[in-house]
Amino acid sequence: MKTYIFIIITLLFSAEITAQNDTIFVDSNLKNTTREFAVYYRIKEKNNIAEHSSFESNKKLLQAINYYYVKSNKPYFEGYATDENGKHLTGNARWYDENETITKLDYFRTKQDIVSDFLIFNLNYSIVNKSLLTGGLEFCLNCKDKNKLFLGAGYGITNSYNRKYYGLPDVHLSYNTEYLLFLKAGSSSKNAYAMGGFTLFNRMDLGFGYSFPYNKEKIPAYQGFTTSLTFRITKNKDVYTKLNIIQ
């Protein structure tokens, strides 16, 4: 009988220690402290974000971060983080007062999200005396403005010259206005070019211009009037011009 009582007491004691280890007490600045000086607390737990509406494209497990008021056990903060300590918040976050009224809403992005939004994939097809297909990346230098300035770099492959293909690095600057017009200037190792034309909300640019070769005698010369078609693909919605409907 004594053995059973000893086992039960041991199990209860172990459970209490485990619960204490899983509970993190913090002060008003969310710095770790003891229960005596704590204002909030949280219990470590994991949640599958794939089932959360804010993370439909995120299939990995993140840490649920929930803080509660020590005095009332009511929620103070609800959010998610990429680490178990809650230092790197991601997605929607909510703060509450002691009446369980939401006092603040915020949205946190991970570094991967920021990099992904920052990049613009660019695909360009142009024709002079030979066709040139160029792929690369662009960066929007002023995406919060109505008129966008894109700085891009890429690498292109020309049509064959006597069954030989040539690669051309490309650097360009494109100024796209809210009036669906654009101006573009760029250079490769073989030529410089300038053009202007129409843009379909910055998703697609149709341009007309002229290409100037650095050396007319050395192929590929790439000289003459040129037309081009450019496509932009990005997750950053600020890149694309919005359709304004006049009422």
Protein backbone atom coordinates (compact mmCIF):
# COMPACT_ATOMS: atom_id res chain seq x y z
CA MET A 1 0.00 0.00 0.00
CA LYS A 2 2.82 2.36 0.91
CA THR A 3 4.43 1.59 -2.44
CA TYR A 4 1.29 2.67 -4.35
CA ILE A 5 1.00 5.88 -2.35
CA PHE A 6 4.67 6.64 -3.03
CA ILE A 7 4.18 6.09 -6.79
CA ILE A 8 1.09 8.34 -6.88
CA ILE A 9 2.87 11.13 -4.99
CA THR A 10 5.89 10.82 -7.29
CA LEU A 11 3.71 11.07 -10.40
CA LEU A 12 1.85 14.11 -9.08
CA PHE A 13 5.12 15.78 -8.13
CA SER A 14 6.61 15.08 -11.58
CA ALA A 15 3.51 16.46 -13.30
CA GLU A 16 3.74 19.64 -11.24
CA ILE A 17 7.42 20.10 -12.14
CA THR A 18 6.66 19.52 -15.83
CA ALA A 19 3.83 22.07 -15.74
CA GLN A 20 6.13 24.61 -14.11
CA ASN A 21 8.83 24.01 -16.71
CA ASP A 22 6.28 24.52 -19.52
CA THR A 23 5.03 27.80 -18.00
CA ILE A 24 7.09 30.90 -18.72
CA PHE A 25 6.56 33.93 -16.50
CA VAL A 26 7.43 37.43 -17.82
CA ASP A 27 7.27 41.00 -16.57
CA SER A 28 5.55 43.97 -18.25
CA ASN A 29 8.40 44.11 -20.83
CA LEU A 30 8.04 40.39 -21.59
CA LYS A 31 11.35 39.65 -19.89
CA ASN A 32 11.61 36.32 -18.11
CA THR A 33 11.06 36.56 -14.39
CA THR A 34 9.74 34.56 -11.43
CA ARG A 35 6.06 33.97 -10.70
CA GLU A 36 6.20 36.45 -7.83
CA PHE A 37 7.08 39.39 -10.13
CA ALA A 38 5.28 38.21 -13.27
CA VAL A 39 2.62 40.25 -15.09
CA TYR A 40 2.01 37.74 -17.89
CA TYR A 41 2.72 34.08 -18.52
CA ARG A 42 2.59 31.63 -21.41
CA ILE A 43 2.61 27.87 -21.84
CA LYS A 44 4.76 26.35 -24.56
CA GLU A 45 2.68 24.66 -27.25
CA LYS A 46 2.91 23.82 -30.92
CA ASN A 47 0.29 24.31 -33.58
CA ASN A 48 -0.02 23.34 -37.23
CA ILE A 49 -0.14 26.59 -39.17
CA ALA A 50 -1.21 24.81 -42.36
CA GLU A 51 -4.71 24.76 -40.88
CA HIS A 52 -4.64 28.49 -40.09
CA SER A 53 -6.14 30.86 -42.69
CA SER A 54 -3.22 33.29 -42.43
CA PHE A 55 -0.73 30.61 -43.45
CA GLU A 56 -2.40 28.74 -46.31
CA SER A 57 0.86 28.54 -48.25
CA ASN A 58 3.00 27.71 -45.20
CA LYS A 59 3.01 23.96 -44.54
CA LYS A 60 5.57 23.87 -41.74
CA LEU A 61 4.95 23.80 -38.01
CA LEU A 62 5.31 27.10 -36.18
CA GLN A 63 5.18 27.88 -32.49
CA ALA A 64 1.91 29.28 -31.11
CA ILE A 65 2.68 32.17 -28.75
CA ASN A 66 -0.11 32.92 -26.28
CA TYR A 67 0.40 35.17 -23.24
CA TYR A 68 -2.11 35.49 -20.40
CA TYR A 69 -2.57 37.88 -17.50
CA VAL A 70 -1.27 36.31 -14.30
CA LYS A 71 -4.03 37.81 -12.13
CA SER A 72 -7.01 36.88 -14.30
CA ASN A 73 -5.72 34.14 -16.66
CA LYS A 74 -7.35 36.10 -19.50
CA PRO A 75 -5.52 36.38 -22.87
CA TYR A 76 -3.06 39.24 -23.34
CA PHE A 77 -1.41 38.25 -26.66
CA GLU A 78 -2.06 35.72 -29.44
CA GLY A 79 0.37 35.12 -32.29
CA TYR A 80 2.82 32.77 -33.97
CA ALA A 81 6.60 32.60 -34.24
CA THR A 82 9.24 30.67 -36.16
CA ASP A 83 11.06 29.89 -32.90
CA GLU A 84 9.86 28.40 -29.62
CA ASN A 85 10.91 31.50 -27.65
CA GLY A 86 8.60 33.78 -29.62
CA LYS A 87 11.32 36.22 -30.68
CA HIS A 88 10.59 35.97 -34.41
CA LEU A 89 6.88 36.60 -34.84
CA THR A 90 5.15 35.90 -38.13
CA GLY A 91 1.61 36.38 -39.42
CA ASN A 92 -1.33 37.93 -37.56
CA ALA A 93 -0.93 39.04 -33.93
CA ARG A 94 -3.49 40.35 -31.42
CA TRP A 95 -3.21 42.16 -28.09
CA TYR A 96 -6.00 42.30 -25.48
CA ASP A 97 -6.79 44.31 -22.39
CA GLU A 98 -8.06 42.65 -19.21
CA ASN A 99 -11.65 42.98 -20.47
CA GLU A 100 -10.68 40.74 -23.43
CA THR A 101 -11.08 43.65 -25.85
CA ILE A 102 -8.60 43.76 -28.74
CA THR A 103 -6.34 46.78 -28.30
CA LYS A 104 -3.93 46.21 -31.19
CA LEU A 105 -3.64 44.21 -34.40
CA ASP A 106 -0.44 43.69 -36.35
CA TYR A 107 1.06 41.49 -39.06
CA PHE A 108 4.64 40.25 -39.00
CA ARG A 109 6.57 38.96 -42.00
CA THR A 110 9.55 36.61 -41.96
CA LYS A 111 12.82 37.46 -43.69
CA GLN A 112 11.92 34.92 -46.38
CA ASP A 113 8.64 36.75 -47.01
CA ILE A 114 10.41 40.09 -47.32
CA VAL A 115 13.00 38.75 -49.78
CA SER A 116 10.30 36.98 -51.78
CA ASP A 117 8.23 40.17 -52.04
CA PHE A 118 11.27 42.23 -52.93
CA LEU A 119 12.23 40.15 -55.98
CA ILE A 120 10.65 40.59 -59.40
CA PHE A 121 11.19 37.91 -62.03
CA ASN A 122 11.65 39.43 -65.46
CA LEU A 123 11.37 37.79 -68.88
CA ASN A 124 12.05 39.79 -72.06
CA TYR A 125 11.85 38.91 -75.74
CA SER A 126 13.27 41.43 -78.24
CA ILE A 127 13.98 41.49 -81.97
CA VAL A 128 16.52 43.56 -83.90
CA ASN A 129 18.36 41.79 -86.72
CA LYS A 130 18.28 38.72 -84.46
CA SER A 131 15.95 37.72 -81.64
CA LEU A 132 17.10 37.79 -78.03
CA LEU A 133 15.49 36.04 -75.04
CA THR A 134 16.55 37.45 -71.67
CA GLY A 135 15.65 36.32 -68.17
CA GLY A 136 16.61 37.92 -64.89
CA LEU A 137 15.57 39.88 -61.82
CA GLU A 138 14.33 43.40 -61.24
CA PHE A 139 14.15 45.55 -58.13
CA CYS A 140 11.50 48.21 -57.62
CA LEU A 141 13.29 51.28 -56.27
CA ASN A 142 10.16 53.27 -55.35
CA CYS A 143 7.24 50.86 -55.23
CA LYS A 144 5.11 53.06 -52.96
CA ASP A 145 4.94 55.76 -55.68
CA LYS A 146 2.45 55.74 -58.54
CA ASN A 147 5.29 55.94 -61.09
CA LYS A 148 7.65 52.97 -60.71
CA LEU A 149 11.40 52.79 -61.29
CA PHE A 150 12.77 49.31 -62.01
CA LEU A 151 16.46 48.38 -61.93
CA GLY A 152 17.10 45.04 -63.59
CA ALA A 153 19.84 42.58 -64.47
CA GLY A 154 19.74 39.36 -66.44
CA TYR A 155 21.26 37.17 -69.11
CA GLY A 156 20.08 36.64 -72.68
CA ILE A 157 20.61 34.16 -75.50
CA THR A 158 20.58 35.30 -79.15
CA ASN A 159 19.31 33.50 -82.19
CA SER A 160 21.98 31.49 -83.98
CA TYR A 161 24.74 33.09 -86.06
CA ASN A 162 26.03 30.37 -88.39
CA ARG A 163 24.75 27.75 -85.90
CA LYS A 164 26.39 29.55 -82.97
CA TYR A 165 24.51 31.07 -80.05
CA TYR A 166 25.77 34.02 -78.03
CA GLY A 167 25.03 34.99 -74.45
CA LEU A 168 24.56 38.63 -73.53
CA PRO A 169 24.43 39.97 -69.95
CA ASP A 170 21.89 42.74 -69.52
CA VAL A 171 21.49 45.72 -67.18
CA HIS A 172 18.58 48.13 -67.56
CA LEU A 173 16.54 50.88 -65.95
CA SER A 174 12.81 51.19 -66.70
CA TYR A 175 10.56 54.09 -65.70
CA ASN A 176 6.89 53.05 -65.78
CA THR A 177 4.23 55.71 -65.27
CA GLU A 178 0.71 55.50 -63.89
CA TYR A 179 -0.53 56.49 -67.37
CA LEU A 180 0.51 53.07 -68.74
CA LEU A 181 3.58 54.39 -70.56
CA PHE A 182 7.24 53.56 -69.96
CA LEU A 183 10.78 54.57 -70.92
CA LYS A 184 13.65 52.11 -70.75
CA ALA A 185 17.42 52.23 -71.27
CA GLY A 186 19.89 49.38 -70.98
CA SER A 187 23.14 47.85 -72.00
CA SER A 188 24.79 44.50 -72.63
CA SER A 189 28.40 43.66 -73.34
CA LYS A 190 27.71 44.17 -77.06
CA ASN A 191 25.15 46.99 -77.34
CA ALA A 192 23.22 49.80 -75.71
CA TYR A 193 19.53 50.41 -76.30
CA ALA A 194 16.74 52.86 -75.56
CA MET A 195 13.02 52.41 -76.00
CA GLY A 196 9.58 53.50 -74.91
CA GLY A 197 6.11 52.10 -75.18
CA PHE A 198 3.05 50.88 -73.37
CA THR A 199 2.72 48.93 -70.14
CA LEU A 200 -0.19 46.76 -69.07
CA PHE A 201 -0.19 47.76 -65.37
CA ASN A 202 3.53 46.85 -65.21
CA ARG A 203 2.69 43.20 -65.73
CA MET A 204 3.64 43.37 -69.40
CA ASP A 205 5.57 46.05 -71.35
CA LEU A 206 5.44 46.46 -75.14
CA GLY A 207 8.34 48.63 -76.31
CA PHE A 208 9.79 50.17 -79.48
CA GLY A 209 13.29 51.62 -79.75
CA TYR A 210 16.77 51.42 -81.22
CA SER A 211 19.85 49.31 -80.43
CA PHE A 212 23.40 50.73 -80.82
CA PRO A 213 26.25 48.18 -81.17
CA TYR A 214 29.60 48.88 -79.51
CA ASN A 215 31.41 47.20 -82.41
CA LYS A 216 29.67 46.92 -85.79
CA GLU A 217 32.28 44.56 -87.15
CA LYS A 218 32.05 41.97 -84.42
CA ILE A 219 29.07 39.64 -84.13
CA PRO A 220 26.58 39.77 -82.65
CA ALA A 221 26.33 43.40 -83.74
CA TYR A 222 22.69 43.76 -82.69
CA GLN A 223 22.02 47.05 -84.48
CA GLY A 224 18.79 48.68 -85.63
CA PHE A 225 15.20 49.33 -84.65
CA THR A 226 13.94 46.96 -82.02
CA THR A 227 10.68 45.82 -80.48
CA SER A 228 10.40 44.02 -77.17
CA LEU A 229 7.90 42.30 -74.93
CA THR A 230 8.56 42.13 -71.19
CA PHE A 231 6.75 40.14 -68.48
CA ARG A 232 7.04 40.75 -64.70
CA ILE A 233 6.13 38.19 -62.06
CA THR A 234 6.23 39.02 -58.36
CA LYS A 235 4.35 38.57 -55.09
CA ASN A 236 4.72 42.29 -54.34
CA LYS A 237 1.36 43.84 -55.24
CA ASP A 238 2.83 47.36 -55.07
CA VAL A 239 4.73 46.63 -58.29
CA TYR A 240 1.57 46.51 -60.37
CA THR A 241 -0.33 49.69 -61.21
CA LYS A 242 -3.94 49.54 -60.08
CA LEU A 243 -6.82 50.27 -62.43
CA ASN A 244 -8.42 53.58 -61.51
CA ILE A 245 -12.11 53.79 -62.41
CA ILE A 246 -13.40 57.35 -62.73
CA GLN A 247 -16.93 57.68 -61.44
